[in-house]
Amino acid sequence: MPHAGTDDGVELFYEETGAGEPLVFVHEFAGDFRSWEPQVRYFSRRYHCIAYNARGYPPSGVPADTASYSQERAWRDIEAVLDHLGLDRAHVIGLSMGGFATLHFGLNRPERARSLVVAGCGYGAEGNQRERFQHEAAATADLIESKGMGSFAETYSLGPTRVQLENKDPRGWREFRDQLGEQSAKGSASTMRGVQRNRPSIFDLQDAMRALRVPTLIMTGDEDEPCLVPNVFMKRVIPSSALVVLPNSGHAINLEEPALFNAAVEEFLSQVRSGRWPERDARSVGGSILGVEKD
């Protein structure tokens, strides 16, 4: 069973499929490497696909100390996987918690990112939601520890941004729920406290994102309410970004709409590989929408 070591001694399980330019998939809090199966099956026909489990998600290591879990550790673990595999650069694709890690990887190691796909990223980022989000994260960690992952999965899988998957794909939703229930309670609770609760707001990263020049595709579902405003904000401040909004979709857009998700990512990668991915034309920002300035 392959593992990549980190500089603090945590072993990260990973799986490789296919050949070509490397794509690294970074999973959400409620998933693991298996969450990317619809993407790995599709993209491994043309790319070297690497999907790994974050720390706290067996068969990756589950550190006992909550201090071992942080937003910085999350993006550095992406780097650890690249280092282990001897990869100088890769396309990095992340959802939700993985989207945050992907964004931070691009901000901190832009020279190692061929491109970034930042999907479902931004929950709890708005200023008026920060305190509520941090309270909910702490309460969620307590619930996981007291009730166990099975009980948590039953409730969490029916949240307001998860019911879309249940309605579209009941079988896929049950698989999502069951896999969530298999996760480590210790790892999930520590991840919720150390990574989720303490991560910086998207809105605090404005200056860093304005300087980002790595080709970036931002993706969200139109019913993923907590992520809509943060995603528009990212589009506005990252010069090398584009925004895709999938209709009638919640949070797990790669599972809800795999064909649409894969098509958008494939077109993005094609433009990046051909050197045709643009930065935003400055003329499209501000000014009169009719092209006539007021006297």
C-alpha atoms as a PDB file:
ATOM      1  CA  MET A   1       0.000   0.000   0.000  1.00  0.00           C
ATOM      2  CA  PRO A   2       1.833   3.171  -1.180  1.00  0.00           C
ATOM      3  CA  HIS A   3       2.353   6.067   1.218  1.00  0.00           C
ATOM      4  CA  ALA A   4       4.115   9.422   0.953  1.00  0.00           C
ATOM      5  CA  GLY A   5       5.938  10.702   4.016  1.00  0.00           C
ATOM      6  CA  THR A   6       5.660  14.271   5.308  1.00  0.00           C
ATOM      7  CA  ASP A   7       8.250  16.370   7.130  1.00  0.00           C
ATOM      8  CA  ASP A   8       6.411  15.847  10.426  1.00  0.00           C
ATOM      9  CA  GLY A   9       6.318  12.079  10.067  1.00  0.00           C
ATOM     10  CA  VAL A  10       2.738  11.515   8.855  1.00  0.00           C
ATOM     11  CA  GLU A  11       2.254   8.898   6.130  1.00  0.00           C
ATOM     12  CA  LEU A  12      -0.224   9.811   3.370  1.00  0.00           C
ATOM     13  CA  PHE A  13      -1.867   7.004   1.419  1.00  0.00           C
ATOM     14  CA  TYR A  14      -2.171   7.616  -2.317  1.00  0.00           C
ATOM     15  CA  GLU A  15      -3.290   5.834  -5.462  1.00  0.00           C
ATOM     16  CA  GLU A  16      -1.927   6.339  -8.986  1.00  0.00           C
ATOM     17  CA  THR A  17      -3.738   5.624 -12.250  1.00  0.00           C
ATOM     18  CA  GLY A  18      -2.855   6.374 -15.880  1.00  0.00           C
ATOM     19  CA  ALA A  19       0.007   8.195 -17.586  1.00  0.00           C
ATOM     20  CA  GLY A  20       0.684  11.688 -18.884  1.00  0.00           C
ATOM     21  CA  GLU A  21       0.789  15.075 -17.191  1.00  0.00           C
ATOM     22  CA  PRO A  22       0.058  14.662 -13.472  1.00  0.00           C
ATOM     23  CA  LEU A  23      -3.296  15.573 -11.933  1.00  0.00           C
ATOM     24  CA  VAL A  24      -3.467  15.575  -8.124  1.00  0.00           C
ATOM     25  CA  PHE A  25      -6.941  15.260  -6.579  1.00  0.00           C
ATOM     26  CA  VAL A  26      -7.505  16.710  -3.096  1.00  0.00           C
ATOM     27  CA  HIS A  27     -10.683  15.540  -1.360  1.00  0.00           C
ATOM     28  CA  GLU A  28     -13.273  17.305   0.775  1.00  0.00           C
ATOM     29  CA  PHE A  29     -13.860  16.906   4.526  1.00  0.00           C
ATOM     30  CA  ALA A  30     -16.722  14.444   3.964  1.00  0.00           C
ATOM     31  CA  GLY A  31     -14.837  12.323   1.431  1.00  0.00           C
ATOM     32  CA  ASP A  32     -11.550  10.617   0.745  1.00  0.00           C
ATOM     33  CA  PHE A  33      -9.605   9.479  -2.320  1.00  0.00           C
ATOM     34  CA  ARG A  34     -12.620   7.387  -3.388  1.00  0.00           C
ATOM     35  CA  SER A  35     -14.673  10.565  -3.844  1.00  0.00           C
ATOM     36  CA  TRP A  36     -12.744  11.234  -7.046  1.00  0.00           C
ATOM     37  CA  GLU A  37     -13.576   7.925  -8.724  1.00  0.00           C
ATOM     38  CA  PRO A  38     -15.725   9.530 -11.507  1.00  0.00           C
ATOM     39  CA  GLN A  39     -12.815  11.840 -12.305  1.00  0.00           C
ATOM     40  CA  VAL A  40     -10.000   9.298 -12.034  1.00  0.00           C
ATOM     41  CA  ARG A  41     -11.825   6.881 -14.344  1.00  0.00           C
ATOM     42  CA  TYR A  42     -12.263   9.660 -16.899  1.00  0.00           C
ATOM     43  CA  PHE A  43      -8.978  11.573 -16.749  1.00  0.00           C
ATOM     44  CA  SER A  44      -6.654   8.588 -16.314  1.00  0.00           C
ATOM     45  CA  ARG A  45      -7.193   7.859 -20.000  1.00  0.00           C
ATOM     46  CA  ARG A  46      -4.981  10.849 -20.791  1.00  0.00           C
ATOM     47  CA  TYR A  47      -3.352  11.928 -17.530  1.00  0.00           C
ATOM     48  CA  HIS A  48      -1.344  10.540 -14.620  1.00  0.00           C
ATOM     49  CA  CYS A  49      -3.954  10.745 -11.851  1.00  0.00           C
ATOM     50  CA  ILE A  50      -2.964  10.811  -8.186  1.00  0.00           C
ATOM     51  CA  ALA A  51      -5.636  10.743  -5.479  1.00  0.00           C
ATOM     52  CA  TYR A  52      -4.535  10.708  -1.859  1.00  0.00           C
ATOM     53  CA  ASN A  53      -6.072  10.687   1.597  1.00  0.00           C
ATOM     54  CA  ALA A  54      -5.462  13.692   3.817  1.00  0.00           C
ATOM     55  CA  ARG A  55      -3.922  13.172   7.215  1.00  0.00           C
ATOM     56  CA  GLY A  56      -6.575  11.894   9.602  1.00  0.00           C
ATOM     57  CA  TYR A  57      -8.172   9.744   6.892  1.00  0.00           C
ATOM     58  CA  PRO A  58      -7.056   6.083   7.046  1.00  0.00           C
ATOM     59  CA  PRO A  59      -5.158   4.423   5.547  1.00  0.00           C
ATOM     60  CA  SER A  60      -3.249   7.715   5.884  1.00  0.00           C
ATOM     61  CA  GLY A  61      -1.850   8.371   9.333  1.00  0.00           C
ATOM     62  CA  VAL A  62      -4.063   9.811  12.065  1.00  0.00           C
ATOM     63  CA  PRO A  63      -1.897  12.039  14.282  1.00  0.00           C
ATOM     64  CA  ALA A  64      -3.017  12.137  17.901  1.00  0.00           C
ATOM     65  CA  ASP A  65      -2.188  15.813  18.418  1.00  0.00           C
ATOM     66  CA  THR A  66      -4.708  18.308  17.007  1.00  0.00           C
ATOM     67  CA  ALA A  67      -1.780  20.688  16.440  1.00  0.00           C
ATOM     68  CA  SER A  68      -0.736  18.385  13.572  1.00  0.00           C
ATOM     69  CA  TYR A  69      -3.828  19.510  11.623  1.00  0.00           C
ATOM     70  CA  SER A  70      -3.880  22.967  10.027  1.00  0.00           C
ATOM     71  CA  GLN A  71      -4.472  24.799   6.778  1.00  0.00           C
ATOM     72  CA  GLU A  72      -0.722  25.096   6.293  1.00  0.00           C
ATOM     73  CA  ARG A  73      -0.264  21.372   6.841  1.00  0.00           C
ATOM     74  CA  ALA A  74      -3.028  20.703   4.321  1.00  0.00           C
ATOM     75  CA  TRP A  75      -1.283  22.523   1.462  1.00  0.00           C
ATOM     76  CA  ARG A  76       2.138  21.256   2.484  1.00  0.00           C
ATOM     77  CA  ASP A  77       0.789  17.702   2.265  1.00  0.00           C
ATOM     78  CA  ILE A  78       0.082  18.309  -1.425  1.00  0.00           C
ATOM     79  CA  GLU A  79       3.729  19.276  -1.797  1.00  0.00           C
ATOM     80  CA  ALA A  80       4.780  16.158   0.127  1.00  0.00           C
ATOM     81  CA  VAL A  81       2.929  13.944  -2.355  1.00  0.00           C
ATOM     82  CA  LEU A  82       4.612  15.695  -5.300  1.00  0.00           C
ATOM     83  CA  ASP A  83       8.019  15.379  -3.658  1.00  0.00           C
ATOM     84  CA  HIS A  84       7.524  11.694  -2.934  1.00  0.00           C
ATOM     85  CA  LEU A  85       6.572  10.998  -6.546  1.00  0.00           C
ATOM     86  CA  GLY A  86       9.401  13.127  -7.936  1.00  0.00           C
ATOM     87  CA  LEU A  87       7.031  15.561  -9.645  1.00  0.00           C
ATOM     88  CA  ASP A  88       8.214  19.132 -10.154  1.00  0.00           C
ATOM     89  CA  ARG A  89       4.758  20.402 -11.126  1.00  0.00           C
ATOM     90  CA  ALA A  90       1.180  19.173 -11.391  1.00  0.00           C
ATOM     91  CA  HIS A  91      -2.361  20.250 -12.117  1.00  0.00           C
ATOM     92  CA  VAL A  92      -4.095  20.298  -8.722  1.00  0.00           C
ATOM     93  CA  ILE A  93      -7.848  19.752  -8.359  1.00  0.00           C
ATOM     94  CA  GLY A  94      -9.560  20.198  -4.992  1.00  0.00           C
ATOM     95  CA  LEU A  95     -13.089  20.257  -3.633  1.00  0.00           C
ATOM     96  CA  SER A  96     -14.238  22.124  -0.508  1.00  0.00           C
ATOM     97  CA  MET A  97     -11.587  21.468   2.168  1.00  0.00           C
ATOM     98  CA  GLY A  98      -9.454  20.224  -0.716  1.00  0.00           C
ATOM     99  CA  GLY A  99     -10.287  23.375  -2.648  1.00  0.00           C
ATOM    100  CA  PHE A 100      -8.947  25.506   0.194  1.00  0.00           C
ATOM    101  CA  ALA A 101      -5.773  23.392   0.289  1.00  0.00           C
ATOM    102  CA  THR A 102      -5.432  23.701  -3.498  1.00  0.00           C
ATOM    103  CA  LEU A 103      -5.809  27.478  -3.381  1.00  0.00           C
ATOM    104  CA  HIS A 104      -3.239  27.792  -0.591  1.00  0.00           C
ATOM    105  CA  PHE A 105      -0.862  25.508  -2.482  1.00  0.00           C
ATOM    106  CA  GLY A 106      -1.133  27.811  -5.491  1.00  0.00           C
ATOM    107  CA  LEU A 107      -0.558  30.898  -3.358  1.00  0.00           C
ATOM    108  CA  ASN A 108       2.472  29.413  -1.592  1.00  0.00           C
ATOM    109  CA  ARG A 109       4.011  27.223  -4.325  1.00  0.00           C
ATOM    110  CA  PRO A 110       2.872  28.755  -7.636  1.00  0.00           C
ATOM    111  CA  GLU A 111       5.967  27.457  -9.413  1.00  0.00           C
ATOM    112  CA  ARG A 112       4.827  23.884  -8.723  1.00  0.00           C
ATOM    113  CA  ALA A 113       1.251  24.276  -9.973  1.00  0.00           C
ATOM    114  CA  ARG A 114       0.547  23.832 -13.670  1.00  0.00           C
ATOM    115  CA  SER A 115      -3.024  24.856 -12.931  1.00  0.00           C
ATOM    116  CA  LEU A 116      -5.573  24.938 -10.103  1.00  0.00           C
ATOM    117  CA  VAL A 117      -9.189  23.788  -9.947  1.00  0.00           C
ATOM    118  CA  VAL A 118     -10.765  25.263  -6.820  1.00  0.00           C
ATOM    119  CA  ALA A 119     -14.249  23.785  -6.397  1.00  0.00           C
ATOM    120  CA  GLY A 120     -16.847  24.246  -3.649  1.00  0.00           C
ATOM    121  CA  CYS A 121     -14.527  26.540  -1.721  1.00  0.00           C
ATOM    122  CA  GLY A 122     -15.616  29.281   0.671  1.00  0.00           C
ATOM    123  CA  TYR A 123     -17.950  27.919   3.336  1.00  0.00           C
ATOM    124  CA  GLY A 124     -17.907  30.192   6.396  1.00  0.00           C
ATOM    125  CA  ALA A 125     -15.744  32.794   4.667  1.00  0.00           C
ATOM    126  CA  GLU A 126     -18.127  35.751   4.763  1.00  0.00           C
ATOM    127  CA  GLY A 127     -17.506  38.137   7.646  1.00  0.00           C
ATOM    128  CA  ASN A 128     -20.976  37.817   9.109  1.00  0.00           C
ATOM    129  CA  GLN A 129     -20.684  34.001   9.041  1.00  0.00           C
ATOM    130  CA  ARG A 130     -17.223  33.535  10.555  1.00  0.00           C
ATOM    131  CA  GLU A 131     -18.267  33.276  14.194  1.00  0.00           C
ATOM    132  CA  ARG A 132     -21.165  30.996  13.346  1.00  0.00           C
ATOM    133  CA  PHE A 133     -18.939  28.767  11.222  1.00  0.00           C
ATOM    134  CA  GLN A 134     -16.319  28.435  13.943  1.00  0.00           C
ATOM    135  CA  HIS A 135     -18.992  27.578  16.505  1.00  0.00           C
ATOM    136  CA  GLU A 136     -20.506  24.974  14.163  1.00  0.00           C
ATOM    137  CA  ALA A 137     -17.093  23.450  13.453  1.00  0.00           C
ATOM    138  CA  ALA A 138     -16.368  23.029  17.150  1.00  0.00           C
ATOM    139  CA  ALA A 139     -19.835  21.588  17.787  1.00  0.00           C
ATOM    140  CA  THR A 140     -19.423  19.194  14.846  1.00  0.00           C
ATOM    141  CA  ALA A 141     -16.124  17.891  16.221  1.00  0.00           C
ATOM    142  CA  ASP A 142     -17.763  17.324  19.607  1.00  0.00           C
ATOM    143  CA  LEU A 143     -20.659  15.501  17.939  1.00  0.00           C
ATOM    144  CA  ILE A 144     -18.332  13.223  15.990  1.00  0.00           C
ATOM    145  CA  GLU A 145     -16.473  12.265  19.144  1.00  0.00           C
ATOM    146  CA  SER A 146     -19.606  11.697  21.212  1.00  0.00           C
ATOM    147  CA  LYS A 147     -21.877   9.996  18.660  1.00  0.00           C
ATOM    148  CA  GLY A 148     -19.413   8.404  16.237  1.00  0.00           C
ATOM    149  CA  MET A 149     -19.009   8.681  12.472  1.00  0.00           C
ATOM    150  CA  GLY A 150     -22.015   6.542  11.601  1.00  0.00           C
ATOM    151  CA  SER A 151     -24.436   8.819  13.417  1.00  0.00           C
ATOM    152  CA  PHE A 152     -22.709  11.931  12.077  1.00  0.00           C
ATOM    153  CA  ALA A 153     -22.868  10.629   8.498  1.00  0.00           C
ATOM    154  CA  GLU A 154     -26.628  10.048   8.744  1.00  0.00           C
ATOM    155  CA  THR A 155     -27.185  13.704   9.659  1.00  0.00           C
ATOM    156  CA  TYR A 156     -24.482  15.407   7.626  1.00  0.00           C
ATOM    157  CA  SER A 157     -25.373  13.620   4.397  1.00  0.00           C
ATOM    158  CA  LEU A 158     -28.837  15.219   4.537  1.00  0.00           C
ATOM    159  CA  GLY A 159     -27.609  18.781   4.970  1.00  0.00           C
ATOM    160  CA  PRO A 160     -28.929  21.625   2.762  1.00  0.00           C
ATOM    161  CA  THR A 161     -26.085  21.315   0.237  1.00  0.00           C
ATOM    162  CA  ARG A 162     -26.116  17.488   0.192  1.00  0.00           C
ATOM    163  CA  VAL A 163     -29.758  16.743  -0.576  1.00  0.00           C
ATOM    164  CA  GLN A 164     -29.106  17.608  -4.227  1.00  0.00           C
ATOM    165  CA  LEU A 165     -26.934  14.502  -4.535  1.00  0.00           C
ATOM    166  CA  GLU A 166     -29.592  12.378  -2.826  1.00  0.00           C
ATOM    167  CA  ASN A 167     -32.260  13.649  -5.243  1.00  0.00           C
ATOM    168  CA  LYS A 168     -30.155  13.170  -8.375  1.00  0.00           C
ATOM    169  CA  ASP A 169     -28.346   9.944  -7.574  1.00  0.00           C
ATOM    170  CA  PRO A 170     -29.759   7.999  -4.582  1.00  0.00           C
ATOM    171  CA  ARG A 171     -27.292   5.169  -5.085  1.00  0.00           C
ATOM    172  CA  GLY A 172     -24.340   7.535  -5.293  1.00  0.00           C
ATOM    173  CA  TRP A 173     -25.612   9.407  -2.241  1.00  0.00           C
ATOM    174  CA  ARG A 174     -25.787   6.190  -0.195  1.00  0.00           C
ATOM    175  CA  GLU A 175     -22.230   5.391  -1.216  1.00  0.00           C
ATOM    176  CA  PHE A 176     -21.151   8.881  -0.132  1.00  0.00           C
ATOM    177  CA  ARG A 177     -22.963   8.486   3.212  1.00  0.00           C
ATOM    178  CA  ASP A 178     -21.561   5.024   3.858  1.00  0.00           C
ATOM    179  CA  GLN A 179     -17.988   6.026   3.028  1.00  0.00           C
ATOM    180  CA  LEU A 180     -18.275   9.035   5.332  1.00  0.00           C
ATOM    181  CA  GLY A 181     -19.443   6.736   8.125  1.00  0.00           C
ATOM    182  CA  GLU A 182     -16.288   4.639   7.695  1.00  0.00           C
ATOM    183  CA  GLN A 183     -13.902   7.500   8.463  1.00  0.00           C
ATOM    184  CA  SER A 184     -11.873   7.859  11.637  1.00  0.00           C
ATOM    185  CA  ALA A 185     -13.748   9.785  14.340  1.00  0.00           C
ATOM    186  CA  LYS A 186     -10.449  10.981  15.803  1.00  0.00           C
ATOM    187  CA  GLY A 187      -9.110  12.099  12.432  1.00  0.00           C
ATOM    188  CA  SER A 188     -12.336  13.795  11.379  1.00  0.00           C
ATOM    189  CA  ALA A 189     -12.771  15.627  14.677  1.00  0.00           C
ATOM    190  CA  SER A 190      -9.154  16.810  14.648  1.00  0.00           C
ATOM    191  CA  THR A 191      -9.499  17.920  11.026  1.00  0.00           C
ATOM    192  CA  MET A 192     -12.630  19.872  11.877  1.00  0.00           C
ATOM    193  CA  ARG A 193     -10.904  21.611  14.788  1.00  0.00           C
ATOM    194  CA  GLY A 194      -7.455  22.143  13.304  1.00  0.00           C
ATOM    195  CA  VAL A 195      -8.095  22.706   9.596  1.00  0.00           C
ATOM    196  CA  GLN A 196     -11.706  23.735   9.116  1.00  0.00           C
ATOM    197  CA  ARG A 197     -12.332  25.850  12.198  1.00  0.00           C
ATOM    198  CA  ASN A 198      -9.016  27.722  12.112  1.00  0.00           C
ATOM    199  CA  ARG A 199      -8.545  28.308   8.402  1.00  0.00           C
ATOM    200  CA  PRO A 200      -8.373  31.941   7.249  1.00  0.00           C
ATOM    201  CA  SER A 201     -11.294  33.470   5.408  1.00  0.00           C
ATOM    202  CA  ILE A 202     -11.125  33.708   1.629  1.00  0.00           C
ATOM    203  CA  PHE A 203     -11.672  37.441   2.056  1.00  0.00           C
ATOM    204  CA  ASP A 204      -8.474  37.722   4.103  1.00  0.00           C
ATOM    205  CA  LEU A 205      -6.483  36.437   1.126  1.00  0.00           C
ATOM    206  CA  GLN A 206      -7.387  39.239  -1.277  1.00  0.00           C
ATOM    207  CA  ASP A 207      -3.894  40.694  -1.744  1.00  0.00           C
ATOM    208  CA  ALA A 208      -2.308  37.270  -2.238  1.00  0.00           C
ATOM    209  CA  MET A 209      -4.976  36.222  -4.726  1.00  0.00           C
ATOM    210  CA  ARG A 210      -4.515  39.414  -6.763  1.00  0.00           C
ATOM    211  CA  ALA A 211      -0.906  38.367  -7.306  1.00  0.00           C
ATOM    212  CA  LEU A 212      -1.801  34.805  -8.359  1.00  0.00           C
ATOM    213  CA  ARG A 213      -1.008  34.094 -12.010  1.00  0.00           C
ATOM    214  CA  VAL A 214      -1.451  30.309 -12.089  1.00  0.00           C
ATOM    215  CA  PRO A 215      -4.357  29.340 -14.404  1.00  0.00           C
ATOM    216  CA  THR A 216      -7.297  28.822 -12.058  1.00  0.00           C
ATOM    217  CA  LEU A 217     -10.761  27.388 -12.593  1.00  0.00           C
ATOM    218  CA  ILE A 218     -13.266  28.176  -9.835  1.00  0.00           C
ATOM    219  CA  MET A 219     -16.325  25.922  -9.665  1.00  0.00           C
ATOM    220  CA  THR A 220     -19.457  25.816  -7.537  1.00  0.00           C
ATOM    221  CA  GLY A 221     -23.049  24.669  -7.552  1.00  0.00           C
ATOM    222  CA  ASP A 222     -25.770  27.298  -7.727  1.00  0.00           C
ATOM    223  CA  GLU A 223     -27.484  25.811  -4.659  1.00  0.00           C
ATOM    224  CA  ASP A 224     -24.291  25.731  -2.616  1.00  0.00           C
ATOM    225  CA  GLU A 225     -25.374  28.950  -0.883  1.00  0.00           C
ATOM    226  CA  PRO A 226     -22.382  29.381   1.482  1.00  0.00           C
ATOM    227  CA  CYS A 227     -19.957  29.281  -1.464  1.00  0.00           C
ATOM    228  CA  LEU A 228     -21.645  31.540  -4.004  1.00  0.00           C
ATOM    229  CA  VAL A 229     -20.433  34.938  -2.780  1.00  0.00           C
ATOM    230  CA  PRO A 230     -16.891  33.717  -1.983  1.00  0.00           C
ATOM    231  CA  ASN A 231     -16.632  32.173  -5.455  1.00  0.00           C
ATOM    232  CA  VAL A 232     -17.654  35.396  -7.178  1.00  0.00           C
ATOM    233  CA  PHE A 233     -15.141  37.219  -4.982  1.00  0.00           C
ATOM    234  CA  MET A 234     -12.350  34.854  -6.037  1.00  0.00           C
ATOM    235  CA  LYS A 235     -13.262  35.347  -9.682  1.00  0.00           C
ATOM    236  CA  ARG A 236     -13.055  39.103  -9.248  1.00  0.00           C
ATOM    237  CA  VAL A 237      -9.657  39.173  -7.571  1.00  0.00           C
ATOM    238  CA  ILE A 238      -7.683  36.322  -9.209  1.00  0.00           C
ATOM    239  CA  PRO A 239      -6.622  37.707 -12.621  1.00  0.00           C
ATOM    240  CA  SER A 240      -6.012  34.254 -14.107  1.00  0.00           C
ATOM    241  CA  SER A 241      -9.343  32.755 -13.067  1.00  0.00           C
ATOM    242  CA  ALA A 242     -12.664  31.779 -14.583  1.00  0.00           C
ATOM    243  CA  LEU A 243     -15.869  30.793 -12.794  1.00  0.00           C
ATOM    244  CA  VAL A 244     -18.145  27.854 -13.613  1.00  0.00           C
ATOM    245  CA  VAL A 245     -21.517  27.559 -11.855  1.00  0.00           C
ATOM    246  CA  LEU A 246     -23.329  24.257 -12.276  1.00  0.00           C
ATOM    247  CA  PRO A 247     -27.144  24.522 -12.300  1.00  0.00           C
ATOM    248  CA  ASN A 248     -29.406  22.899  -9.700  1.00  0.00           C
ATOM    249  CA  SER A 249     -26.333  21.687  -7.843  1.00  0.00           C
ATOM    250  CA  GLY A 250     -25.156  21.624  -4.252  1.00  0.00           C
ATOM    251  CA  HIS A 251     -21.731  21.046  -2.738  1.00  0.00           C
ATOM    252  CA  ALA A 252     -20.448  17.708  -4.071  1.00  0.00           C
ATOM    253  CA  ILE A 253     -20.546  18.827  -7.697  1.00  0.00           C
ATOM    254  CA  ASN A 254     -18.027  16.259  -8.915  1.00  0.00           C
ATOM    255  CA  LEU A 255     -20.399  13.499  -7.737  1.00  0.00           C
ATOM    256  CA  GLU A 256     -23.683  15.222  -8.565  1.00  0.00           C
ATOM    257  CA  GLU A 257     -22.753  16.169 -12.121  1.00  0.00           C
ATOM    258  CA  PRO A 258     -19.654  14.180 -13.084  1.00  0.00           C
ATOM    259  CA  ALA A 259     -20.134  14.677 -16.836  1.00  0.00           C
ATOM    260  CA  LEU A 260     -20.487  18.463 -16.528  1.00  0.00           C
ATOM    261  CA  PHE A 261     -17.662  18.688 -14.006  1.00  0.00           C
ATOM    262  CA  ASN A 262     -15.322  16.581 -16.134  1.00  0.00           C
ATOM    263  CA  ALA A 263     -16.156  18.470 -19.320  1.00  0.00           C
ATOM    264  CA  ALA A 264     -15.441  21.847 -17.717  1.00  0.00           C
ATOM    265  CA  VAL A 265     -12.153  20.640 -16.245  1.00  0.00           C
ATOM    266  CA  GLU A 266     -11.116  18.957 -19.506  1.00  0.00           C
ATOM    267  CA  GLU A 267     -11.711  22.145 -21.498  1.00  0.00           C
ATOM    268  CA  PHE A 268      -9.778  24.128 -18.902  1.00  0.00           C
ATOM    269  CA  LEU A 269      -6.823  21.721 -18.983  1.00  0.00           C
ATOM    270  CA  SER A 270      -6.823  21.772 -22.773  1.00  0.00           C
ATOM    271  CA  GLN A 271      -6.526  25.550 -22.842  1.00  0.00           C
ATOM    272  CA  VAL A 272      -3.808  25.532 -20.201  1.00  0.00           C
ATOM    273  CA  ARG A 273      -1.788  22.878 -22.026  1.00  0.00           C
ATOM    274  CA  SER A 274      -2.018  24.765 -25.306  1.00  0.00           C
ATOM    275  CA  GLY A 275      -0.931  28.024 -23.689  1.00  0.00           C
ATOM    276  CA  ARG A 276      -4.273  29.643 -24.442  1.00  0.00           C
ATOM    277  CA  TRP A 277      -5.589  30.244 -20.924  1.00  0.00           C
ATOM    278  CA  PRO A 278      -5.932  34.039 -20.585  1.00  0.00           C
ATOM    279  CA  GLU A 279      -5.653  36.558 -17.813  1.00  0.00           C
ATOM    280  CA  ARG A 280      -8.591  38.885 -17.501  1.00  0.00           C
ATOM    281  CA  ASP A 281      -8.547  41.873 -19.856  1.00  0.00           C
ATOM    282  CA  ALA A 282      -8.286  44.979 -17.674  1.00  0.00           C
ATOM    283  CA  ARG A 283     -10.809  46.701 -19.926  1.00  0.00           C
ATOM    284  CA  SER A 284     -13.506  44.342 -18.644  1.00  0.00           C
ATOM    285  CA  VAL A 285     -13.245  45.712 -15.109  1.00  0.00           C
ATOM    286  CA  GLY A 286     -15.043  48.925 -14.160  1.00  0.00           C
ATOM    287  CA  GLY A 287     -16.074  51.771 -16.391  1.00  0.00           C
ATOM    288  CA  SER A 288     -19.355  52.305 -18.162  1.00  0.00           C
ATOM    289  CA  ILE A 289     -21.123  49.139 -19.324  1.00  0.00           C
ATOM    290  CA  LEU A 290     -21.978  51.020 -22.551  1.00  0.00           C
ATOM    291  CA  GLY A 291     -18.441  52.235 -23.055  1.00  0.00           C
ATOM    292  CA  VAL A 292     -19.398  55.870 -22.528  1.00  0.00           C
ATOM    293  CA  GLU A 293     -17.959  57.723 -19.542  1.00  0.00           C
ATOM    294  CA  LYS A 294     -19.961  60.402 -17.766  1.00  0.00           C
ATOM    295  CA  ASP A 295     -18.762  63.970 -18.420  1.00  0.00           C
END
